[in-house]
Amino acid sequence: MALCLQNQLTVPLLTSIVAAVLGSLQIGYHTGNINAPARVIEEFFNTTWRSRHNQSIPDHSLTFLWSLSVSIKDFGALLGSLGVKGLADTFGRRNAILIVNALSVVGASLMFMSKVTASFEVLIVGRLIFGLFCGLVMSLNPLYIQGVSPTNLRGAFATLNQVSFASGILLGMVAGLETVLGTEKYWSLMLSLSLIPATLQYMSLPFCPESPRYLFINRGKEKEAEAALRRLRGNPEMVMKEMEEMREEAAHSETGVTVREFLRKRRYRQPIILVLIINLGSQLSGFNAIINYSTKMFAQSNFDEAKYLTLGVGAVNVAFTIVAFFLVERAGRRKLLLAGFLSLALCNLLMTITYSVLAIVPDIRNIQVLAIFFLISSYEVGPGPISWFIAAELFDQSARPIAMAFTSMLNWGGKFLLALLFPPLLKMCGAYVYLLFMCMALIAFTYTMFRLPETKGRTFDDIAAEFRGAEGIPLHNKTTFNTFT
């Protein structure tokens, strides 16, 4: 096993994976860096408004502008998701990532220039443009990574996308601290630091091979696909085996599946519902509420240094994405999703209980912190990383870009809605808002248990064949689990 693994980990393969996940590092950074310096940036808004109108900005206007500044990234990502199929199929997986990286450069540059130009509108537009980048790259990355990865490492390498994203969140949290760069003098510089990984991506990814699967199945360039595989694998026997697998997949793949065909074909119906349930269960499980509002949560529980507990959230987030990296090819996708969703449901129940009795039993706040940390770990060990790439495994090559665009829309749409609705829901429902998250996690757990086949160690064509045969008859996958009932 170790020798086999060593034979597969070539320098071009590792370089390709690392170069691709530099994009998700940028996204994580701009997810984590905006909350800690909120007061400083709000003061910039106020100063800018005063210089224009000779009066302080009204509170309701400041609240609206700040909410818009934070949530506009997720809205931009939702819009960006619509372009995944066109870019991926027209320019290829690698080249599409390079093209959309320009959006990151433009967005970060505008955020940096907002202070120099004394314009909060420039900051908001910068966040919107960066959001377009988010929606595109978080779908393009799994497409490229799974296209260049060997079957038995496909899930682990796809999980590295989430490891990079979580690491970016932690870096953003640290950079945004008042003791680091979250100050009146340096906050605009702090917002521009994502230009570093963006530049590194431009320096490395052009030298990486295009996805062999895209070259062969989408473009019919068999020689180019074989040449790319030889660079990635370095093992002639593996190259011949994978070329044969791609020939089988190409024989069963259609050319140019439209959105209408994607929605109407019976073979895609079950995977679409699975992707819908898994992604909504993941995004509406409470994780994003904690990432966005953890500092306020800890402050309301009377913790003196709430921002440092938030750093603890970021550290746990990174640690358990690394755990998922090592587990996803051992335990499999299905087991990690089931364990994750069930644990998320229990954590949300515990959150409801602790918040309900916090005023009566103040010391229970320590249990609350543990519940938050456990919820983060439950999300990242399964639903978090797997929800982003499971669609790439459940669909055939021709439908995969649309499926990943659908995944991106669900993920970013869920994030946007939660960022917008969680504060009013918390006011309206109080501690019982976590019961809503618990119900979503339980729905996802139940549907995953009865409908999701294990995809670990299986070729794309093998997985697609299971759904091609799902025309009302029960099938059994390799783990002898009855997938369709």
Protein backbone atom coordinates (compact mmCIF):
# COMPACT_ATOMS: atom_id res chain seq x y z
CA MET A 1 0.00 0.00 0.00
CA ALA A 2 2.77 2.43 0.93
CA LEU A 3 4.67 1.59 -2.27
CA CYS A 4 1.53 2.09 -4.35
CA LEU A 5 0.92 5.45 -2.68
CA GLN A 6 4.51 6.50 -3.27
CA ASN A 7 4.22 5.61 -6.96
CA GLN A 8 1.16 7.84 -7.30
CA LEU A 9 2.45 10.95 -5.50
CA THR A 10 4.46 12.53 -8.29
CA VAL A 11 5.75 16.11 -8.23
CA PRO A 12 3.46 17.28 -11.09
CA LEU A 13 0.41 15.81 -9.30
CA LEU A 14 1.19 17.42 -5.95
CA THR A 15 2.07 20.74 -7.63
CA SER A 16 -1.25 20.69 -9.50
CA ILE A 17 -3.26 20.08 -6.31
CA VAL A 18 -1.43 22.73 -4.27
CA ALA A 19 -1.65 25.29 -7.08
CA ALA A 20 -5.41 24.72 -7.40
CA VAL A 21 -6.21 25.02 -3.67
CA LEU A 22 -4.49 28.43 -3.47
CA GLY A 23 -7.84 29.71 -4.72
CA SER A 24 -9.80 28.32 -1.78
CA LEU A 25 -7.14 29.75 0.58
CA GLN A 26 -8.01 33.21 -0.74
CA ILE A 27 -11.72 32.60 -0.20
CA GLY A 28 -11.19 31.40 3.37
CA TYR A 29 -9.02 34.44 4.10
CA HIS A 30 -11.76 36.88 3.07
CA THR A 31 -14.32 34.84 5.03
CA GLY A 32 -12.35 35.12 8.27
CA ASN A 33 -10.84 38.60 8.08
CA ILE A 34 -13.94 40.80 8.02
CA ASN A 35 -15.48 40.30 11.49
CA ALA A 36 -12.72 41.32 13.93
CA PRO A 37 -12.02 44.78 12.37
CA ALA A 38 -15.75 45.52 11.98
CA ARG A 39 -15.65 48.50 14.35
CA VAL A 40 -12.66 50.04 12.55
CA ILE A 41 -14.21 49.66 9.08
CA GLU A 42 -17.56 50.98 10.32
CA GLU A 43 -15.72 54.08 11.55
CA PHE A 44 -14.27 54.46 8.04
CA PHE A 45 -17.83 54.36 6.68
CA ASN A 46 -18.84 57.03 9.20
CA THR A 47 -15.86 59.26 8.43
CA THR A 48 -16.49 59.00 4.68
CA TRP A 49 -20.17 59.84 5.15
CA ARG A 50 -19.33 62.83 7.39
CA SER A 51 -16.89 64.24 4.81
CA ARG A 52 -19.63 64.11 2.18
CA HIS A 53 -22.68 65.23 4.15
CA ASN A 54 -21.23 67.10 7.16
CA GLN A 55 -23.03 64.79 9.56
CA SER A 56 -22.61 61.33 11.04
CA ILE A 57 -24.15 58.41 9.23
CA PRO A 58 -27.56 57.36 10.69
CA ASP A 59 -27.41 54.12 12.68
CA HIS A 60 -29.83 52.29 10.40
CA SER A 61 -27.80 53.30 7.32
CA LEU A 62 -24.57 52.14 8.95
CA THR A 63 -26.14 48.81 9.90
CA PHE A 64 -27.43 48.34 6.35
CA LEU A 65 -24.09 49.26 4.72
CA TRP A 66 -22.16 46.94 6.99
CA SER A 67 -24.58 44.04 6.47
CA LEU A 68 -24.36 44.65 2.72
CA SER A 69 -20.55 44.72 2.85
CA VAL A 70 -20.40 41.37 4.66
CA SER A 71 -23.13 39.51 2.73
CA ILE A 72 -22.42 40.87 -0.77
CA LYS A 73 -19.56 38.37 -1.15
CA ASP A 74 -21.93 35.42 -0.74
CA PHE A 75 -24.44 37.01 -3.12
CA GLY A 76 -21.68 37.50 -5.70
CA ALA A 77 -20.70 33.85 -5.23
CA LEU A 78 -24.28 32.81 -5.91
CA LEU A 79 -24.17 34.75 -9.21
CA GLY A 80 -20.70 33.43 -10.06
CA SER A 81 -21.95 29.85 -9.79
CA LEU A 82 -23.96 30.37 -12.97
CA GLY A 83 -20.77 30.62 -15.04
CA VAL A 84 -19.14 27.34 -13.96
CA LYS A 85 -20.34 25.14 -16.84
CA GLY A 86 -19.55 27.67 -19.58
CA LEU A 87 -16.02 28.34 -18.37
CA ALA A 88 -15.17 24.72 -17.49
CA ASP A 89 -16.37 23.29 -20.81
CA THR A 90 -15.07 26.11 -23.02
CA PHE A 91 -11.62 26.76 -21.57
CA GLY A 92 -10.91 23.59 -19.60
CA ARG A 93 -10.64 23.07 -15.85
CA ARG A 94 -7.11 24.47 -15.32
CA ASN A 95 -7.48 27.45 -17.66
CA ALA A 96 -10.86 28.37 -16.17
CA ILE A 97 -9.27 28.58 -12.70
CA LEU A 98 -6.57 30.88 -14.11
CA ILE A 99 -9.17 33.10 -15.80
CA VAL A 100 -11.33 33.55 -12.70
CA ASN A 101 -8.26 34.23 -10.55
CA ALA A 102 -8.27 37.67 -12.22
CA LEU A 103 -11.53 38.40 -10.39
CA SER A 104 -9.75 37.79 -7.09
CA VAL A 105 -6.95 40.18 -8.06
CA VAL A 106 -9.41 42.90 -9.11
CA GLY A 107 -11.61 42.42 -6.02
CA ALA A 108 -8.70 42.54 -3.54
CA SER A 109 -7.22 45.57 -5.31
CA LEU A 110 -10.51 47.45 -5.05
CA MET A 111 -10.79 46.60 -1.33
CA PHE A 112 -7.30 48.00 -0.82
CA MET A 113 -8.10 51.16 -2.82
CA SER A 114 -11.30 51.91 -0.89
CA LYS A 115 -9.38 53.69 1.87
CA VAL A 116 -7.20 55.67 -0.56
CA THR A 117 -10.24 56.78 -2.56
CA ALA A 118 -12.29 57.42 0.62
CA SER A 119 -15.14 55.37 -0.85
CA PHE A 120 -17.00 52.59 0.94
CA GLU A 121 -18.74 51.89 -2.40
CA VAL A 122 -15.38 50.73 -3.79
CA LEU A 123 -15.06 48.30 -0.86
CA ILE A 124 -18.55 46.89 -1.49
CA VAL A 125 -17.92 46.50 -5.23
CA GLY A 126 -14.59 44.81 -4.44
CA ARG A 127 -16.36 42.32 -2.16
CA LEU A 128 -18.96 41.68 -4.88
CA ILE A 129 -16.32 40.98 -7.55
CA PHE A 130 -14.41 38.77 -5.14
CA GLY A 131 -17.69 36.95 -4.50
CA LEU A 132 -17.97 36.12 -8.21
CA PHE A 133 -14.53 34.51 -7.89
CA CYS A 134 -15.71 32.50 -4.86
CA GLY A 135 -18.72 31.03 -6.64
CA LEU A 136 -16.65 29.98 -9.63
CA VAL A 137 -13.48 28.64 -8.05
CA MET A 138 -15.10 26.54 -5.32
CA SER A 139 -16.71 24.49 -8.13
CA LEU A 140 -13.83 24.61 -10.62
CA ASN A 141 -11.33 23.37 -8.02
CA PRO A 142 -13.07 20.02 -7.31
CA LEU A 143 -13.58 19.53 -11.06
CA TYR A 144 -9.86 19.98 -11.72
CA ILE A 145 -8.63 18.13 -8.62
CA GLN A 146 -10.79 15.07 -9.27
CA GLY A 147 -9.83 15.17 -12.93
CA VAL A 148 -6.11 14.85 -12.18
CA SER A 149 -6.29 12.58 -9.10
CA PRO A 150 -6.02 8.77 -9.07
CA THR A 151 -9.22 7.00 -7.98
CA ASN A 152 -7.99 5.90 -4.54
CA LEU A 153 -6.80 9.44 -3.62
CA ARG A 154 -9.65 11.37 -5.24
CA GLY A 155 -11.56 12.11 -2.04
CA ALA A 156 -8.49 12.96 0.02
CA PHE A 157 -7.20 15.46 -2.54
CA ALA A 158 -10.67 16.99 -2.94
CA THR A 159 -10.76 17.41 0.86
CA LEU A 160 -7.56 19.46 0.62
CA ASN A 161 -9.71 22.16 -0.96
CA GLN A 162 -11.59 22.43 2.36
CA VAL A 163 -8.33 22.23 4.35
CA SER A 164 -7.05 25.22 2.39
CA PHE A 165 -10.36 27.07 2.86
CA ALA A 166 -10.36 26.47 6.63
CA SER A 167 -6.69 27.49 6.87
CA GLY A 168 -7.55 30.71 5.05
CA ILE A 169 -10.34 31.41 7.55
CA LEU A 170 -7.90 31.05 10.46
CA LEU A 171 -5.30 33.24 8.74
CA GLY A 172 -7.99 35.86 8.11
CA MET A 173 -9.09 35.77 11.75
CA VAL A 174 -5.50 36.30 12.93
CA ALA A 175 -4.77 39.05 10.38
CA GLY A 176 -7.96 40.88 11.37
CA LEU A 177 -7.03 41.13 15.06
CA GLU A 178 -6.40 44.63 16.40
CA THR A 179 -2.97 43.48 17.58
CA VAL A 180 -2.05 42.42 14.02
CA LEU A 181 -3.49 44.32 11.01
CA GLY A 182 -7.08 45.03 12.03
CA THR A 183 -6.27 48.66 12.86
CA GLU A 184 -7.31 52.03 11.47
CA LYS A 185 -3.93 52.32 9.72
CA TYR A 186 -3.58 48.83 8.24
CA TRP A 187 -7.08 47.40 7.67
CA SER A 188 -7.01 48.11 3.92
CA LEU A 189 -3.60 46.43 3.64
CA MET A 190 -5.01 43.46 5.53
CA LEU A 191 -7.81 43.12 2.95
CA SER A 192 -5.29 43.01 0.10
CA LEU A 193 -3.08 40.16 1.35
CA SER A 194 -4.98 37.59 -0.72
CA LEU A 195 -3.01 39.00 -3.67
CA ILE A 196 -0.05 36.90 -2.47
CA PRO A 197 -1.65 33.44 -3.04
CA ALA A 198 -3.33 34.82 -6.20
CA THR A 199 0.11 35.71 -7.58
CA LEU A 200 1.55 32.35 -6.54
CA GLN A 201 -1.26 30.63 -8.42
CA TYR A 202 -0.43 32.54 -11.59
CA MET A 203 3.22 31.51 -11.17
CA SER A 204 2.52 27.78 -10.69
CA LEU A 205 -0.75 26.60 -12.26
CA PRO A 206 0.17 27.40 -15.93
CA PHE A 207 2.94 24.78 -15.65
CA CYS A 208 0.51 22.08 -14.45
CA PRO A 209 -1.23 19.69 -16.88
CA GLU A 210 -4.88 20.06 -17.87
CA SER A 211 -7.35 17.45 -16.59
CA PRO A 212 -6.80 14.31 -18.72
CA ARG A 213 -10.48 13.45 -18.32
CA TYR A 214 -11.49 16.81 -19.82
CA LEU A 215 -9.03 16.44 -22.70
CA PHE A 216 -10.21 12.93 -23.57
CA ILE A 217 -13.95 12.89 -22.88
CA ASN A 218 -14.85 16.53 -23.55
CA ARG A 219 -12.37 17.33 -26.32
CA GLY A 220 -11.59 13.91 -27.79
CA LYS A 221 -7.85 14.59 -27.55
CA GLU A 222 -6.65 11.11 -26.64
CA LYS A 223 -2.93 11.73 -27.21
CA GLU A 224 -2.92 14.94 -25.19
CA ALA A 225 -4.84 13.19 -22.39
CA GLU A 226 -2.33 10.33 -22.32
CA ALA A 227 0.59 12.80 -22.27
CA ALA A 228 -1.00 14.65 -19.31
CA LEU A 229 -1.53 11.35 -17.49
CA ARG A 230 2.11 10.36 -18.03
CA ARG A 231 3.21 13.61 -16.38
CA LEU A 232 0.80 13.14 -13.48
CA ARG A 233 1.35 9.43 -12.80
CA GLY A 234 4.86 8.60 -14.00
CA ASN A 235 3.81 4.94 -14.13
CA PRO A 236 3.06 3.46 -17.59
CA GLU A 237 0.86 0.68 -16.17
CA MET A 238 -1.33 3.14 -14.27
CA VAL A 239 -1.55 5.36 -17.35
CA MET A 240 -2.82 2.49 -19.51
CA LYS A 241 -5.32 1.42 -16.86
CA GLU A 242 -6.76 4.93 -16.47
CA MET A 243 -6.88 5.45 -20.24
CA GLU A 244 -8.99 2.30 -20.49
CA GLU A 245 -11.29 3.55 -17.70
CA MET A 246 -11.73 6.85 -19.55
CA ARG A 247 -12.56 5.03 -22.79
CA GLU A 248 -15.32 3.14 -20.96
CA GLU A 249 -16.63 6.36 -19.41
CA ALA A 250 -16.49 8.17 -22.77
CA ALA A 251 -18.55 5.38 -24.34
CA HIS A 252 -21.33 6.02 -21.81
CA SER A 253 -21.08 9.83 -21.78
CA GLU A 254 -23.20 12.18 -23.84
CA THR A 255 -21.81 15.32 -25.37
CA GLY A 256 -23.09 18.65 -24.15
CA VAL A 257 -25.80 17.99 -21.57
CA THR A 258 -27.97 21.11 -21.30
CA VAL A 259 -29.49 22.43 -18.07
CA ARG A 260 -32.92 21.28 -19.26
CA GLU A 261 -31.65 17.74 -19.95
CA PHE A 262 -29.84 17.77 -16.59
CA LEU A 263 -33.12 18.49 -14.81
CA ARG A 264 -35.28 16.11 -16.85
CA LYS A 265 -33.21 12.94 -17.30
CA ARG A 266 -34.17 10.13 -14.91
CA ARG A 267 -30.53 9.07 -14.37
CA TYR A 268 -29.79 12.47 -12.80
CA ARG A 269 -32.93 12.71 -10.64
CA GLN A 270 -31.61 10.78 -7.64
CA PRO A 271 -28.15 12.46 -7.65
CA ILE A 272 -29.79 15.91 -7.87
CA ILE A 273 -31.93 15.22 -4.80
CA LEU A 274 -28.90 13.82 -2.96
CA VAL A 275 -26.80 16.90 -3.74
CA LEU A 276 -29.71 19.16 -2.71
CA ILE A 277 -30.28 17.44 0.65
CA ILE A 278 -26.59 17.02 1.53
CA ASN A 279 -25.66 20.61 0.70
CA LEU A 280 -28.66 22.25 2.38
CA GLY A 281 -28.20 19.97 5.40
CA SER A 282 -24.58 21.05 5.53
CA GLN A 283 -25.08 24.79 5.08
CA LEU A 284 -28.15 25.03 7.35
CA SER A 285 -26.70 22.91 10.16
CA GLY A 286 -25.55 25.85 12.30
CA PHE A 287 -21.90 25.94 11.21
CA ASN A 288 -22.17 29.18 9.25
CA ALA A 289 -24.02 30.91 12.08
CA ILE A 290 -21.10 30.17 14.38
CA ILE A 291 -18.44 31.20 11.83
CA ASN A 292 -20.24 34.51 11.22
CA TYR A 293 -21.35 35.36 14.74
CA SER A 294 -19.14 33.40 17.17
CA THR A 295 -17.54 36.54 18.65
CA LYS A 296 -20.99 37.96 19.51
CA MET A 297 -22.09 34.57 20.89
CA PHE A 298 -19.12 34.38 23.24
CA ALA A 299 -19.50 38.04 24.24
CA GLN A 300 -23.18 37.48 25.12
CA SER A 301 -22.08 34.60 27.33
CA ASN A 302 -19.87 37.10 29.25
CA PHE A 303 -16.49 35.86 28.05
CA ASP A 304 -13.98 38.70 28.40
CA GLU A 305 -11.81 37.75 25.41
CA ALA A 306 -14.45 36.52 22.98
CA LYS A 307 -12.25 37.19 19.94
CA TYR A 308 -9.65 34.69 21.17
CA LEU A 309 -12.30 32.01 21.61
CA THR A 310 -13.24 32.76 18.01
CA LEU A 311 -9.63 31.99 17.09
CA GLY A 312 -10.16 28.66 18.88
CA VAL A 313 -13.11 28.06 16.55
CA GLY A 314 -10.81 28.72 13.58
CA ALA A 315 -8.13 26.37 14.94
CA VAL A 316 -10.64 23.54 15.53
CA ASN A 317 -11.98 24.18 12.03
CA VAL A 318 -8.53 23.62 10.48
CA ALA A 319 -7.66 20.65 12.71
CA PHE A 320 -10.73 18.64 11.75
CA THR A 321 -10.46 19.33 8.02
CA ILE A 322 -7.03 17.69 8.32
CA VAL A 323 -8.67 14.77 10.19
CA ALA A 324 -11.17 14.49 7.30
CA PHE A 325 -8.27 14.42 4.83
CA PHE A 326 -6.91 11.26 6.48
CA LEU A 327 -10.31 9.63 7.05
CA VAL A 328 -12.16 10.20 3.79
CA GLU A 329 -10.39 7.38 1.90
CA ARG A 330 -10.43 5.06 4.92
CA ALA A 331 -13.94 5.44 6.31
CA GLY A 332 -15.58 6.53 3.05
CA ARG A 333 -17.88 9.42 2.20
CA ARG A 334 -21.12 7.85 3.38
CA LYS A 335 -19.98 6.97 6.90
CA LEU A 336 -18.42 10.39 7.47
CA LEU A 337 -21.57 12.16 6.27
CA LEU A 338 -23.81 10.04 8.51
CA ALA A 339 -21.58 10.51 11.56
CA GLY A 340 -21.27 14.23 10.84
CA PHE A 341 -24.98 14.93 10.38
CA LEU A 342 -25.98 12.94 13.46
CA SER A 343 -23.33 14.71 15.56
CA LEU A 344 -24.49 18.10 14.22
CA ALA A 345 -28.05 17.31 15.29
CA LEU A 346 -26.91 16.39 18.82
CA CYS A 347 -24.74 19.52 19.05
CA ASN A 348 -27.63 21.78 18.07
CA LEU A 349 -29.84 20.12 20.68
CA LEU A 350 -27.12 20.78 23.27
CA MET A 351 -26.84 24.40 22.08
CA THR A 352 -30.58 24.85 22.58
CA ILE A 353 -30.38 23.50 26.12
CA THR A 354 -27.33 25.55 27.15
CA TYR A 355 -28.68 28.82 25.71
CA SER A 356 -32.06 28.23 27.38
CA VAL A 357 -30.61 27.88 30.90
CA LEU A 358 -27.65 30.26 30.53
CA ALA A 359 -29.33 33.03 32.51
CA ILE A 360 -30.15 30.60 35.34
CA VAL A 361 -26.89 28.64 35.34
CA PRO A 362 -24.10 31.01 34.10
CA ASP A 363 -21.40 28.34 34.50
CA ILE A 364 -23.01 26.30 31.74
CA ARG A 365 -21.32 28.67 29.29
CA ASN A 366 -18.29 26.36 29.43
CA ILE A 367 -20.44 23.49 28.15
CA GLN A 368 -21.68 25.88 25.48
CA VAL A 369 -18.12 26.49 24.27
CA LEU A 370 -17.50 22.74 24.08
CA ALA A 371 -20.75 22.30 22.12
CA ILE A 372 -19.63 24.97 19.63
CA PHE A 373 -16.22 23.35 19.20
CA PHE A 374 -17.79 19.91 18.77
CA LEU A 375 -20.27 21.29 16.23
CA ILE A 376 -17.41 22.76 14.18
CA SER A 377 -15.50 19.47 14.30
CA SER A 378 -18.62 17.47 13.32
CA TYR A 379 -19.15 19.69 10.30
CA GLU A 380 -15.57 19.58 9.06
CA VAL A 381 -15.00 15.85 9.53
CA GLY A 382 -17.74 15.03 7.01
CA PRO A 383 -20.50 17.34 5.70
CA GLY A 384 -18.22 20.37 5.21
CA PRO A 385 -15.63 19.01 2.78
CA ILE A 386 -17.71 16.19 1.25
CA SER A 387 -20.68 18.41 0.34
CA TRP A 388 -18.37 20.42 -1.95
CA PHE A 389 -17.12 17.47 -4.03
CA ILE A 390 -19.75 14.71 -3.78
CA ALA A 391 -21.57 16.02 -6.89
CA ALA A 392 -18.40 15.54 -8.95
CA GLU A 393 -18.52 11.83 -8.05
CA LEU A 394 -22.25 11.22 -8.48
CA PHE A 395 -22.55 12.61 -12.03
CA ASP A 396 -20.96 11.56 -15.32
CA GLN A 397 -18.43 13.74 -17.15
CA SER A 398 -20.94 15.57 -19.35
CA ALA A 399 -23.22 16.58 -16.43
CA ARG A 400 -20.44 17.21 -13.90
CA PRO A 401 -19.94 20.98 -14.54
CA ILE A 402 -23.68 21.67 -14.19
CA ALA A 403 -23.76 19.55 -11.03
CA MET A 404 -20.86 21.53 -9.55
CA ALA A 405 -22.55 24.82 -10.47
CA PHE A 406 -25.67 23.51 -8.69
CA THR A 407 -23.53 22.60 -5.67
CA SER A 408 -21.98 26.07 -5.61
CA MET A 409 -25.38 27.77 -5.83
CA LEU A 410 -26.71 25.69 -2.93
CA ASN A 411 -23.65 26.30 -0.77
CA TRP A 412 -23.32 30.04 -1.35
CA GLY A 413 -27.09 30.54 -1.37
CA GLY A 414 -27.29 28.80 2.00
CA LYS A 415 -24.46 30.93 3.38
CA PHE A 416 -26.09 34.14 2.09
CA LEU A 417 -29.53 33.28 3.52
CA LEU A 418 -28.09 32.30 6.89
CA ALA A 419 -25.96 35.46 7.15
CA LEU A 420 -29.09 37.48 6.36
CA LEU A 421 -31.69 35.59 8.41
CA PHE A 422 -29.86 34.27 11.48
CA PRO A 423 -29.95 37.53 13.54
CA PRO A 424 -33.74 38.06 13.09
CA LEU A 425 -34.41 34.35 13.63
CA LEU A 426 -32.38 34.45 16.84
CA LYS A 427 -34.43 37.42 18.04
CA MET A 428 -37.70 35.74 17.11
CA CYS A 429 -36.99 32.16 18.25
CA GLY A 430 -34.26 32.65 20.84
CA ALA A 431 -32.43 29.45 21.74
CA TYR A 432 -34.95 27.38 19.76
CA VAL A 433 -33.41 28.54 16.47
CA TYR A 434 -30.89 25.72 16.94
CA LEU A 435 -33.75 23.21 16.80
CA LEU A 436 -34.30 24.31 13.18
CA PHE A 437 -30.65 23.48 12.46
CA MET A 438 -31.09 20.15 14.25
CA CYS A 439 -34.06 19.26 12.04
CA MET A 440 -32.08 20.05 8.86
CA ALA A 441 -29.21 17.84 10.03
CA LEU A 442 -31.61 14.97 10.83
CA ILE A 443 -33.30 15.24 7.42
CA ALA A 444 -29.89 15.09 5.72
CA PHE A 445 -28.86 12.14 7.92
CA THR A 446 -32.00 10.17 7.08
CA TYR A 447 -31.87 10.74 3.33
CA THR A 448 -28.13 10.03 3.16
CA MET A 449 -28.61 6.78 5.07
CA PHE A 450 -31.25 5.44 2.70
CA ARG A 451 -30.14 6.87 -0.65
CA LEU A 452 -26.41 7.61 -0.90
CA PRO A 453 -24.15 4.87 -2.29
CA GLU A 454 -20.53 4.72 -1.15
CA THR A 455 -18.24 6.26 -3.80
CA LYS A 456 -14.89 5.51 -2.16
CA GLY A 457 -12.50 3.65 -4.43
CA ARG A 458 -14.97 3.44 -7.33
CA THR A 459 -14.41 4.76 -10.84
CA PHE A 460 -16.62 7.56 -12.16
CA ASP A 461 -18.18 5.21 -14.71
CA ASP A 462 -18.94 2.61 -12.02
CA ILE A 463 -20.79 5.21 -9.92
CA ALA A 464 -22.64 6.64 -12.93
CA ALA A 465 -23.68 3.10 -13.98
CA GLU A 466 -25.45 2.67 -10.66
CA PHE A 467 -27.66 5.67 -11.40
CA ARG A 468 -28.08 4.74 -15.06
CA GLY A 469 -29.59 1.50 -13.78
CA ALA A 470 -31.78 3.20 -11.17
CA GLU A 471 -34.98 2.95 -13.16
CA GLY A 472 -37.17 1.62 -10.40
CA ILE A 473 -35.18 -1.50 -9.53
CA PRO A 474 -33.17 -2.05 -6.34
CA LEU A 475 -29.41 -2.03 -6.78
CA HIS A 476 -26.60 -2.98 -4.47
CA ASN A 477 -23.26 -1.22 -4.39
CA LYS A 478 -19.96 -2.79 -3.47
CA THR A 479 -20.59 -2.48 0.24
CA THR A 480 -23.77 -4.60 -0.20
CA PHE A 481 -25.86 -1.60 0.84
CA ASN A 482 -29.28 -1.39 -0.79
CA THR A 483 -29.01 2.02 -2.39
CA PHE A 484 -32.43 2.40 -3.99
CA THR A 485 -35.63 1.23 -2.44
